[in-house]
Amino acid sequence: MKTVGNPNSLTEQADPPRLPRAVLLVVAAAVFVSNLDLFIVNVALPAMGEHYAGSSLASLSWVLNGYAIVFAALLVAAGRLADRVGHRGGFLTGLAVFTLASVLCALAPGVGWLVAARVLQATGAALLMPTSLALLLDATAPARRPGAVRAWASIGGIAAGLGPVLGGLLVEADWRWVFLANVPVGVAAFAAGLRVLPRPRTVEAGPLPDLLGAALLTAAVAALAVGLVKADAWGWGSGRVAGSLLASAVLTGCFLYRSARHPAPIVELPLLRVPTFAAANAAALLFTVAFAGMLLTSVLWCQQIWGYSALRTGLAIAPGPLLVPPITMASGRLVQRLGAGRTAALGTLCFAAGIGCWAATIGTTPAYAAELLPGMLLTGAGVGLTLPTLIGAAAAALPPTRFATGSAVTTMSRQIGAVIGVAVVVSVLGTPRTAGAALDAFRHGWAVVIAATLLATGAGLVLARAQRGGGLR
């Protein structure tokens, strides 16, 4: 037995060092299916609506938002729990739950059952994601960690590139295959993880994470989503919308109050006082509002306005996401020259330009190469410059003992942004009855996306200022 300096830690015998490449392969497989799920489910949403009689865009949006809300609320609790009991166990448990829940999603007899299975799936993903990055960083030398973060982030980009096409292929057979496709990958990654993932060197003692705080955060984000999704049906000035938004604000206040006093809060508020970390997370949240809105509107536009099949929609969307991995890997030099904040700001402006192309040129008669493709390429380049850079900046601001917790906070910020983005777009689009009304509704939606992107640009510039003041890049 070897003693470690932390007096509050119990020490375990560590496994022999594992090859970072073997750990990366296991982590990559698990992160790939969890990211792939997002893009496949978006493409499959119209097919689900056809399958479940009487469903609407507002009800189906909870297939996306139910997942994102629970994922966001449990991420940090899962990360803190993993810091306490070990990243390996948290990762493998999350992978098992995610895989089982994927089977339940495929078997769901109704929208309510599907949303419930997605909530379980989100619970597994909440354990899986923060521990995946922590395991990778634990197995990587400090000098190589920035590259490891970029490799981890590029996995999501690869999934984003393949997701629309794979989703279209699977939906052509049956939309249930979008969930069943996770199962063989999950089983193989679990079996390999048992062999190659290192056991924890230390087990931290102390209180359990604040589960009541997680419940407050879940309720706060859910109330916000309900108010936004139902605003079109209830009316923006209705008491029910105002009550939902007020409830969200009160619950958020309760959550912050409890987090400030609990010994193991969901969000360690001192982390948010690290300027680089706080600015990177604010930018990630705002940019993901825009990203979620872009993804949903592009899928709905292709299938509902242009009449594309699911497969053709996937092929139409794919060029943007396929740009993300190479731009992510190539952006390292740009970050070294400009800094993370200005690189991210440049990426957000590129993304906004892509959405602006759609709003200015797109029409109801299909003209893919002239009207959709240029904006898709610009948004893909923007994502490749922005999201990995922000994730890397947030990770670099924290000590190794908070890798899992810190990455969970960053991913939580992005998931909350996704909930807001989907909810706002669903509310703005409403249920237009004519092609002209649909075009106007989508243009309003894209205006909201551009506004969120420009706010993210401002947050990126704040990050640049924080870095000049002494923050880590």
Protein backbone atom coordinates (compact mmCIF):
# COMPACT_ATOMS: atom_id res chain seq x y z
CA MET A 1 0.00 0.00 0.00
CA LYS A 2 1.21 3.46 -0.85
CA THR A 3 0.20 6.56 1.09
CA VAL A 4 -1.08 9.54 -0.84
CA GLY A 5 -0.87 13.05 0.55
CA ASN A 6 -4.58 13.76 0.98
CA PRO A 7 -5.47 12.81 4.58
CA ASN A 8 -9.14 12.47 3.60
CA SER A 9 -8.37 9.80 1.02
CA LEU A 10 -8.32 6.05 1.36
CA THR A 11 -5.66 4.46 -0.84
CA GLU A 12 -6.09 1.51 -3.17
CA GLN A 13 -3.43 -0.50 -4.94
CA ALA A 14 -3.21 1.02 -8.43
CA ASP A 15 -3.29 -1.10 -11.53
CA PRO A 16 -0.19 -1.12 -13.73
CA PRO A 17 -0.23 1.89 -16.09
CA ARG A 18 -2.42 1.35 -19.13
CA LEU A 19 -1.53 2.50 -22.64
CA PRO A 20 -3.27 5.82 -23.28
CA ARG A 21 -4.18 4.52 -26.75
CA ALA A 22 -6.10 1.56 -25.31
CA VAL A 23 -7.95 3.87 -22.90
CA LEU A 24 -8.65 6.29 -25.76
CA LEU A 25 -10.20 3.53 -27.87
CA VAL A 26 -12.60 2.46 -25.11
CA VAL A 27 -13.48 6.04 -24.22
CA ALA A 28 -13.87 6.93 -27.90
CA ALA A 29 -16.36 4.11 -28.51
CA ALA A 30 -18.55 5.13 -25.57
CA VAL A 31 -18.39 8.87 -26.28
CA PHE A 32 -19.08 8.16 -29.94
CA VAL A 33 -22.39 6.37 -29.33
CA SER A 34 -23.56 8.95 -26.78
CA ASN A 35 -22.83 11.81 -29.21
CA LEU A 36 -24.15 9.87 -32.19
CA ASP A 37 -27.44 9.46 -30.35
CA LEU A 38 -28.07 13.22 -30.39
CA PHE A 39 -27.77 13.58 -34.16
CA ILE A 40 -29.59 10.36 -35.01
CA VAL A 41 -32.55 11.24 -32.79
CA ASN A 42 -32.89 14.66 -34.38
CA VAL A 43 -33.09 13.09 -37.84
CA ALA A 44 -35.57 10.48 -36.59
CA LEU A 45 -37.94 12.96 -34.94
CA PRO A 46 -40.34 13.36 -37.92
CA ALA A 47 -40.53 9.55 -38.31
CA MET A 48 -41.42 9.23 -34.63
CA GLY A 49 -44.21 11.76 -35.16
CA GLU A 50 -45.64 9.63 -37.96
CA HIS A 51 -45.40 6.47 -35.86
CA TYR A 52 -47.07 7.85 -32.72
CA ALA A 53 -50.57 8.99 -33.69
CA GLY A 54 -51.65 12.33 -32.27
CA SER A 55 -48.15 13.50 -31.38
CA SER A 56 -47.00 17.06 -32.09
CA LEU A 57 -43.67 18.84 -32.40
CA ALA A 58 -44.18 20.23 -28.88
CA SER A 59 -44.70 16.74 -27.38
CA LEU A 60 -41.90 15.17 -29.43
CA SER A 61 -39.52 17.93 -28.36
CA TRP A 62 -39.47 16.24 -24.96
CA VAL A 63 -37.71 13.26 -26.54
CA LEU A 64 -34.83 15.71 -26.96
CA ASN A 65 -35.40 17.97 -23.95
CA GLY A 66 -36.25 15.26 -21.41
CA TYR A 67 -32.87 13.72 -22.18
CA ALA A 68 -31.02 17.04 -22.12
CA ILE A 69 -32.59 18.25 -18.85
CA VAL A 70 -31.78 15.11 -16.87
CA PHE A 71 -28.36 14.88 -18.48
CA ALA A 72 -27.59 18.47 -17.47
CA ALA A 73 -28.90 18.08 -13.92
CA LEU A 74 -27.04 14.85 -13.15
CA LEU A 75 -23.76 15.55 -14.91
CA VAL A 76 -22.03 17.35 -12.09
CA ALA A 77 -23.39 15.02 -9.41
CA ALA A 78 -22.09 12.10 -11.46
CA GLY A 79 -18.74 13.81 -11.95
CA ARG A 80 -18.36 14.54 -8.24
CA LEU A 81 -19.42 11.02 -7.33
CA ALA A 82 -16.84 9.66 -9.78
CA ASP A 83 -14.14 11.89 -8.28
CA ARG A 84 -15.09 10.36 -4.92
CA VAL A 85 -15.42 6.65 -5.77
CA GLY A 86 -13.42 6.26 -8.96
CA HIS A 87 -13.72 7.17 -12.62
CA ARG A 88 -13.54 3.57 -13.85
CA GLY A 89 -16.61 2.38 -11.93
CA GLY A 90 -18.61 5.46 -12.88
CA PHE A 91 -17.75 5.09 -16.54
CA LEU A 92 -18.64 1.39 -16.74
CA THR A 93 -21.89 1.86 -14.79
CA GLY A 94 -22.92 4.74 -17.04
CA LEU A 95 -22.13 2.75 -20.17
CA ALA A 96 -24.23 -0.21 -18.95
CA VAL A 97 -27.22 2.01 -18.08
CA PHE A 98 -26.99 3.88 -21.39
CA THR A 99 -26.93 0.63 -23.36
CA LEU A 100 -29.86 -0.90 -21.47
CA ALA A 101 -31.90 2.30 -21.85
CA SER A 102 -31.25 2.29 -25.60
CA VAL A 103 -33.05 -1.06 -25.78
CA LEU A 104 -35.97 0.35 -23.77
CA CYS A 105 -36.19 3.36 -26.12
CA ALA A 106 -36.54 1.03 -29.07
CA LEU A 107 -39.32 -0.93 -27.33
CA ALA A 108 -41.30 2.14 -26.14
CA PRO A 109 -45.04 1.77 -26.98
CA GLY A 110 -45.81 5.50 -26.75
CA VAL A 111 -44.25 8.97 -26.56
CA GLY A 112 -44.48 9.01 -22.75
CA TRP A 113 -42.66 5.69 -22.47
CA LEU A 114 -40.05 6.88 -24.95
CA VAL A 115 -39.42 10.05 -22.94
CA ALA A 116 -39.09 7.96 -19.75
CA ALA A 117 -36.57 5.65 -21.43
CA ARG A 118 -34.67 8.69 -22.68
CA VAL A 119 -34.49 9.98 -19.10
CA LEU A 120 -32.87 6.68 -18.07
CA GLN A 121 -30.55 6.92 -21.05
CA ALA A 122 -29.58 10.43 -19.94
CA THR A 123 -28.74 9.09 -16.47
CA GLY A 124 -26.26 6.67 -18.01
CA ALA A 125 -24.79 9.36 -20.25
CA ALA A 126 -24.39 11.66 -17.22
CA LEU A 127 -22.14 9.05 -15.61
CA LEU A 128 -20.37 8.26 -18.85
CA MET A 129 -19.35 11.64 -20.23
CA PRO A 130 -17.43 13.36 -17.39
CA THR A 131 -15.66 10.16 -16.39
CA SER A 132 -14.61 9.52 -20.00
CA LEU A 133 -12.58 12.72 -20.17
CA ALA A 134 -11.23 12.20 -16.65
CA LEU A 135 -10.04 8.68 -17.51
CA LEU A 136 -8.35 9.94 -20.63
CA LEU A 137 -6.62 12.80 -18.80
CA ASP A 138 -5.59 10.49 -15.96
CA ALA A 139 -3.85 8.24 -18.51
CA THR A 140 -2.14 11.11 -20.37
CA ALA A 141 1.03 13.00 -19.45
CA PRO A 142 0.36 16.65 -18.51
CA ALA A 143 2.18 18.01 -21.56
CA ARG A 144 -0.06 15.96 -23.86
CA ARG A 145 -3.36 16.80 -22.20
CA PRO A 146 -4.37 19.69 -24.51
CA GLY A 147 -4.06 17.29 -27.44
CA ALA A 148 -6.03 14.65 -25.54
CA VAL A 149 -8.85 17.14 -24.93
CA ARG A 150 -8.94 17.95 -28.64
CA ALA A 151 -8.98 14.25 -29.54
CA TRP A 152 -11.86 13.72 -27.08
CA ALA A 153 -13.76 16.66 -28.52
CA SER A 154 -13.14 15.52 -32.09
CA ILE A 155 -14.90 12.22 -31.30
CA GLY A 156 -18.09 14.22 -30.92
CA GLY A 157 -17.35 15.89 -34.23
CA ILE A 158 -16.91 12.54 -35.98
CA ALA A 159 -20.21 11.36 -34.49
CA ALA A 160 -21.82 14.59 -35.66
CA GLY A 161 -20.54 14.01 -39.18
CA LEU A 162 -21.68 10.40 -39.40
CA GLY A 163 -24.84 10.80 -37.33
CA PRO A 164 -27.14 12.41 -39.89
CA VAL A 165 -26.23 9.89 -42.59
CA LEU A 166 -26.40 6.86 -40.28
CA GLY A 167 -29.63 8.21 -38.83
CA GLY A 168 -31.13 8.55 -42.29
CA LEU A 169 -30.11 5.00 -43.22
CA LEU A 170 -31.51 3.56 -39.99
CA VAL A 171 -34.76 5.52 -40.19
CA GLU A 172 -35.28 4.19 -43.72
CA ALA A 173 -35.46 0.73 -42.14
CA ASP A 174 -37.25 1.69 -38.89
CA TRP A 175 -36.70 4.60 -36.52
CA ARG A 176 -36.26 2.15 -33.62
CA TRP A 177 -32.90 1.15 -35.08
CA VAL A 178 -31.50 4.57 -34.13
CA PHE A 179 -31.49 3.29 -30.54
CA LEU A 180 -30.67 -0.36 -31.17
CA ALA A 181 -27.50 0.70 -33.02
CA ASN A 182 -26.02 1.73 -29.66
CA VAL A 183 -26.26 -1.76 -28.21
CA PRO A 184 -23.41 -3.69 -29.91
CA VAL A 185 -20.99 -0.78 -29.49
CA GLY A 186 -21.95 -0.39 -25.83
CA VAL A 187 -21.52 -4.09 -25.09
CA ALA A 188 -18.11 -4.23 -26.83
CA ALA A 189 -16.86 -1.07 -25.08
CA PHE A 190 -17.99 -2.40 -21.68
CA ALA A 191 -16.18 -5.71 -22.19
CA ALA A 192 -12.99 -3.93 -23.30
CA GLY A 193 -13.24 -1.39 -20.48
CA LEU A 194 -13.20 -4.15 -17.87
CA ARG A 195 -9.76 -5.11 -19.19
CA VAL A 196 -7.97 -1.86 -20.00
CA LEU A 197 -9.34 0.95 -17.82
CA PRO A 198 -7.15 1.69 -14.78
CA ARG A 199 -8.57 1.33 -11.29
CA PRO A 200 -8.59 4.46 -9.09
CA ARG A 201 -5.42 5.21 -7.18
CA THR A 202 -7.36 6.98 -4.45
CA VAL A 203 -10.89 7.03 -3.15
CA GLU A 204 -11.94 10.36 -1.67
CA ALA A 205 -13.82 10.36 1.61
CA GLY A 206 -16.52 12.91 2.34
CA PRO A 207 -20.22 13.58 1.86
CA LEU A 208 -22.22 12.35 -1.10
CA PRO A 209 -23.09 14.82 -3.87
CA ASP A 210 -26.15 16.99 -3.29
CA LEU A 211 -28.98 14.99 -4.85
CA LEU A 212 -31.62 17.48 -3.69
CA GLY A 213 -29.64 20.15 -5.49
CA ALA A 214 -29.75 18.00 -8.62
CA ALA A 215 -33.54 17.74 -8.25
CA LEU A 216 -33.84 21.54 -7.91
CA LEU A 217 -31.74 22.06 -11.01
CA THR A 218 -33.82 19.50 -12.94
CA ALA A 219 -37.06 21.24 -11.93
CA ALA A 220 -35.65 24.68 -12.77
CA VAL A 221 -34.56 23.74 -16.27
CA ALA A 222 -37.78 21.74 -16.87
CA ALA A 223 -39.95 24.70 -15.83
CA LEU A 224 -38.01 26.97 -18.18
CA ALA A 225 -38.42 24.49 -21.05
CA VAL A 226 -42.17 24.09 -20.41
CA GLY A 227 -42.68 27.86 -20.45
CA LEU A 228 -40.77 28.27 -23.71
CA VAL A 229 -42.22 25.24 -25.52
CA LYS A 230 -45.81 26.09 -24.55
CA ALA A 231 -45.53 29.84 -25.14
CA ASP A 232 -46.99 29.61 -28.63
CA ALA A 233 -50.00 27.55 -27.48
CA TRP A 234 -50.59 29.38 -24.18
CA GLY A 235 -49.62 32.86 -25.35
CA TRP A 236 -46.48 34.72 -24.25
CA GLY A 237 -48.54 36.97 -21.98
CA SER A 238 -50.48 34.14 -20.32
CA GLY A 239 -50.30 33.42 -16.62
CA ARG A 240 -49.13 29.86 -17.24
CA VAL A 241 -46.07 30.98 -19.22
CA ALA A 242 -45.27 33.68 -16.65
CA GLY A 243 -45.75 31.15 -13.84
CA SER A 244 -43.41 28.64 -15.50
CA LEU A 245 -40.68 31.24 -15.99
CA LEU A 246 -41.12 32.56 -12.45
CA ALA A 247 -40.96 29.02 -11.05
CA SER A 248 -37.75 28.44 -12.99
CA ALA A 249 -36.21 31.61 -11.54
CA VAL A 250 -37.22 30.73 -7.97
CA LEU A 251 -35.96 27.16 -8.29
CA THR A 252 -32.68 28.43 -9.74
CA GLY A 253 -32.31 30.76 -6.75
CA CYS A 254 -32.97 27.87 -4.36
CA PHE A 255 -30.44 25.75 -6.21
CA LEU A 256 -27.73 28.44 -5.97
CA TYR A 257 -28.53 29.05 -2.28
CA ARG A 258 -28.21 25.34 -1.51
CA SER A 259 -25.06 25.01 -3.62
CA ALA A 260 -23.42 27.79 -1.61
CA ARG A 261 -24.01 25.92 1.67
CA HIS A 262 -23.86 22.21 0.88
CA PRO A 263 -20.54 20.41 1.56
CA ALA A 264 -20.72 18.62 -1.80
CA PRO A 265 -22.79 20.86 -4.10
CA ILE A 266 -23.79 20.07 -7.65
CA VAL A 267 -21.93 23.19 -8.76
CA GLU A 268 -18.98 24.34 -6.71
CA LEU A 269 -19.59 28.06 -6.91
CA PRO A 270 -15.88 28.92 -6.40
CA LEU A 271 -15.23 27.27 -9.78
CA LEU A 272 -17.43 29.91 -11.38
CA ARG A 273 -15.21 32.58 -9.84
CA VAL A 274 -12.28 31.35 -11.97
CA PRO A 275 -12.57 33.92 -14.78
CA THR A 276 -11.37 31.68 -17.61
CA PHE A 277 -13.60 28.79 -16.54
CA ALA A 278 -16.67 30.97 -16.06
CA ALA A 279 -16.29 32.78 -19.39
CA ALA A 280 -15.68 29.54 -21.30
CA ASN A 281 -18.81 27.98 -19.80
CA ALA A 282 -20.96 31.03 -20.52
CA ALA A 283 -19.79 31.02 -24.13
CA ALA A 284 -20.41 27.25 -24.42
CA LEU A 285 -23.97 27.62 -23.08
CA LEU A 286 -24.86 30.46 -25.44
CA PHE A 287 -23.27 28.83 -28.45
CA THR A 288 -25.09 25.55 -27.79
CA VAL A 289 -28.41 27.44 -27.74
CA ALA A 290 -27.56 28.43 -31.30
CA PHE A 291 -26.22 25.01 -32.28
CA ALA A 292 -29.32 23.15 -31.06
CA GLY A 293 -31.56 25.61 -32.89
CA MET A 294 -29.53 25.21 -36.08
CA LEU A 295 -29.65 21.42 -35.98
CA LEU A 296 -33.39 21.17 -35.32
CA THR A 297 -34.37 23.78 -37.92
CA SER A 298 -32.20 22.21 -40.61
CA VAL A 299 -33.74 18.76 -40.06
CA LEU A 300 -37.30 20.11 -40.00
CA TRP A 301 -36.70 22.33 -43.03
CA CYS A 302 -35.35 19.49 -45.15
CA GLN A 303 -38.07 17.01 -44.25
CA GLN A 304 -41.13 19.19 -43.76
CA ILE A 305 -40.59 22.03 -46.25
CA TRP A 306 -38.44 20.49 -48.99
CA GLY A 307 -39.95 17.01 -48.57
CA TYR A 308 -36.62 15.19 -48.24
CA SER A 309 -36.51 11.63 -46.93
CA ALA A 310 -34.65 10.93 -43.68
CA LEU A 311 -31.67 9.57 -45.63
CA ARG A 312 -31.54 12.55 -47.98
CA THR A 313 -31.82 14.86 -44.98
CA GLY A 314 -28.88 13.12 -43.33
CA LEU A 315 -26.78 13.49 -46.48
CA ALA A 316 -27.78 17.16 -46.76
CA ILE A 317 -26.72 17.93 -43.19
CA ALA A 318 -23.55 15.82 -43.15
CA PRO A 319 -21.09 18.23 -44.89
CA GLY A 320 -21.18 20.67 -41.97
CA PRO A 321 -20.49 18.15 -39.20
CA LEU A 322 -17.86 16.40 -41.34
CA LEU A 323 -15.84 19.63 -41.31
CA VAL A 324 -15.72 19.67 -37.51
CA PRO A 325 -12.98 17.03 -36.84
CA PRO A 326 -10.34 18.37 -39.30
CA ILE A 327 -10.95 21.97 -38.26
CA THR A 328 -10.81 20.95 -34.60
CA MET A 329 -7.42 19.30 -35.07
CA ALA A 330 -6.08 22.15 -37.22
CA SER A 331 -7.26 24.90 -34.87
CA GLY A 332 -4.53 24.20 -32.28
CA ARG A 333 -2.08 26.54 -34.03
CA LEU A 334 -4.70 29.23 -34.29
CA VAL A 335 -5.37 28.96 -30.55
CA GLN A 336 -1.64 29.32 -29.89
CA ARG A 337 -1.53 32.50 -31.96
CA LEU A 338 -4.82 34.17 -31.02
CA GLY A 339 -5.72 32.55 -27.70
CA ALA A 340 -8.80 30.47 -26.98
CA GLY A 341 -11.17 33.41 -26.53
CA ARG A 342 -10.50 35.11 -29.85
CA THR A 343 -10.44 31.77 -31.70
CA ALA A 344 -13.84 30.91 -30.25
CA ALA A 345 -15.19 34.37 -31.12
CA LEU A 346 -13.98 33.90 -34.70
CA GLY A 347 -15.77 30.55 -34.82
CA THR A 348 -19.04 32.03 -33.57
CA LEU A 349 -18.95 34.73 -36.25
CA CYS A 350 -18.38 32.06 -38.90
CA PHE A 351 -21.39 30.14 -37.52
CA ALA A 352 -23.58 33.26 -37.51
CA ALA A 353 -22.62 33.95 -41.13
CA GLY A 354 -23.83 30.46 -42.08
CA ILE A 355 -27.22 30.98 -40.43
CA GLY A 356 -27.42 34.40 -42.09
CA CYS A 357 -26.95 32.75 -45.48
CA TRP A 358 -30.00 30.57 -44.85
CA ALA A 359 -32.15 33.45 -43.65
CA ALA A 360 -31.22 35.59 -46.67
CA THR A 361 -31.31 33.07 -49.52
CA ILE A 362 -33.35 29.97 -48.74
CA GLY A 363 -36.70 29.39 -50.41
CA THR A 364 -39.44 26.79 -50.34
CA THR A 365 -38.34 25.29 -53.68
CA PRO A 366 -35.39 22.92 -53.06
CA ALA A 367 -32.05 24.37 -54.19
CA TYR A 368 -29.54 22.55 -52.00
CA ALA A 369 -26.18 23.55 -53.51
CA ALA A 370 -27.06 27.23 -53.78
CA GLU A 371 -29.11 27.75 -50.61
CA LEU A 372 -28.45 25.15 -47.90
CA LEU A 373 -24.92 23.86 -48.51
CA PRO A 374 -22.98 27.16 -48.11
CA GLY A 375 -24.56 27.85 -44.72
CA MET A 376 -24.01 24.24 -43.64
CA LEU A 377 -20.29 24.48 -44.42
CA LEU A 378 -19.95 27.77 -42.56
CA THR A 379 -21.75 26.44 -39.48
CA GLY A 380 -19.56 23.31 -39.51
CA ALA A 381 -16.41 25.43 -39.62
CA GLY A 382 -17.78 27.58 -36.79
CA VAL A 383 -18.49 24.57 -34.58
CA GLY A 384 -14.99 23.16 -35.21
CA LEU A 385 -13.38 26.43 -34.16
CA THR A 386 -15.64 27.15 -31.20
CA LEU A 387 -16.76 24.18 -29.12
CA PRO A 388 -13.47 22.23 -28.77
CA THR A 389 -11.65 25.48 -28.04
CA LEU A 390 -14.08 26.39 -25.25
CA ILE A 391 -13.95 22.87 -23.78
CA GLY A 392 -10.15 22.98 -23.79
CA ALA A 393 -10.05 26.43 -22.19
CA ALA A 394 -12.39 25.33 -19.40
CA ALA A 395 -10.39 22.14 -18.72
CA ALA A 396 -7.08 24.03 -18.66
CA ALA A 397 -8.39 26.34 -15.92
CA LEU A 398 -8.83 23.53 -13.37
CA PRO A 399 -6.52 21.25 -11.35
CA PRO A 400 -6.42 17.49 -12.11
CA THR A 401 -8.47 16.72 -8.98
CA ARG A 402 -11.42 18.51 -10.57
CA PHE A 403 -11.19 17.16 -14.12
CA ALA A 404 -14.39 15.10 -13.87
CA THR A 405 -16.33 17.78 -12.00
CA GLY A 406 -15.10 20.57 -14.26
CA SER A 407 -15.84 18.72 -17.48
CA ALA A 408 -19.28 17.90 -16.07
CA VAL A 409 -20.00 21.59 -15.41
CA THR A 410 -18.97 22.43 -18.99
CA THR A 411 -21.09 19.67 -20.49
CA MET A 412 -23.97 20.70 -18.19
CA SER A 413 -23.74 24.24 -19.55
CA ARG A 414 -23.96 22.90 -23.08
CA GLN A 415 -26.95 20.70 -22.28
CA ILE A 416 -28.85 23.56 -20.66
CA GLY A 417 -28.08 25.56 -23.79
CA ALA A 418 -29.47 22.72 -25.91
CA VAL A 419 -32.71 22.66 -23.88
CA ILE A 420 -33.16 26.41 -24.31
CA GLY A 421 -32.32 26.24 -28.02
CA VAL A 422 -34.81 23.47 -28.78
CA ALA A 423 -37.53 25.05 -26.61
CA VAL A 424 -37.16 28.50 -28.18
CA VAL A 425 -37.14 27.14 -31.73
CA VAL A 426 -40.23 24.99 -31.10
CA SER A 427 -42.02 28.03 -29.69
CA VAL A 428 -40.99 30.34 -32.56
CA LEU A 429 -41.85 27.84 -35.30
CA GLY A 430 -45.31 27.09 -33.92
CA THR A 431 -47.61 25.30 -36.39
CA PRO A 432 -47.60 27.32 -39.64
CA ARG A 433 -50.30 26.23 -42.13
CA THR A 434 -48.87 27.60 -45.40
CA ALA A 435 -45.46 27.50 -47.09
CA GLY A 436 -45.14 31.27 -46.82
CA ALA A 437 -45.96 31.25 -43.13
CA ALA A 438 -43.45 28.43 -42.61
CA LEU A 439 -40.71 30.43 -44.34
CA ASP A 440 -41.43 33.42 -42.11
CA ALA A 441 -41.42 31.22 -39.01
CA PHE A 442 -38.07 29.63 -39.90
CA ARG A 443 -36.54 33.03 -40.62
CA HIS A 444 -37.64 34.18 -37.16
CA GLY A 445 -36.09 31.04 -35.72
CA TRP A 446 -32.82 31.72 -37.52
CA ALA A 447 -32.83 35.30 -36.25
CA VAL A 448 -33.01 33.94 -32.70
CA VAL A 449 -30.12 31.55 -33.49
CA ILE A 450 -28.01 34.44 -34.81
CA ALA A 451 -28.76 36.51 -31.69
CA ALA A 452 -27.63 33.66 -29.41
CA THR A 453 -24.48 33.23 -31.51
CA LEU A 454 -23.55 36.90 -31.23
CA LEU A 455 -24.01 36.73 -27.46
CA ALA A 456 -21.59 33.80 -27.52
CA THR A 457 -19.17 35.98 -29.48
CA GLY A 458 -19.27 38.50 -26.65
CA ALA A 459 -18.60 35.78 -24.09
CA GLY A 460 -15.63 34.61 -26.19
CA LEU A 461 -14.17 38.12 -26.08
CA VAL A 462 -14.65 38.16 -22.29
CA LEU A 463 -12.71 34.88 -22.20
CA ALA A 464 -9.92 36.51 -24.23
CA ARG A 465 -9.76 39.37 -21.74
CA ALA A 466 -9.65 36.91 -18.81
CA GLN A 467 -6.75 35.08 -20.44
CA ARG A 468 -4.82 38.30 -20.93
CA GLY A 469 -5.38 38.94 -17.23
CA GLY A 470 -3.48 35.79 -16.31
CA GLY A 471 -5.85 32.86 -17.04
CA LEU A 472 -4.60 29.66 -18.63
CA ARG A 473 -5.04 28.99 -22.30
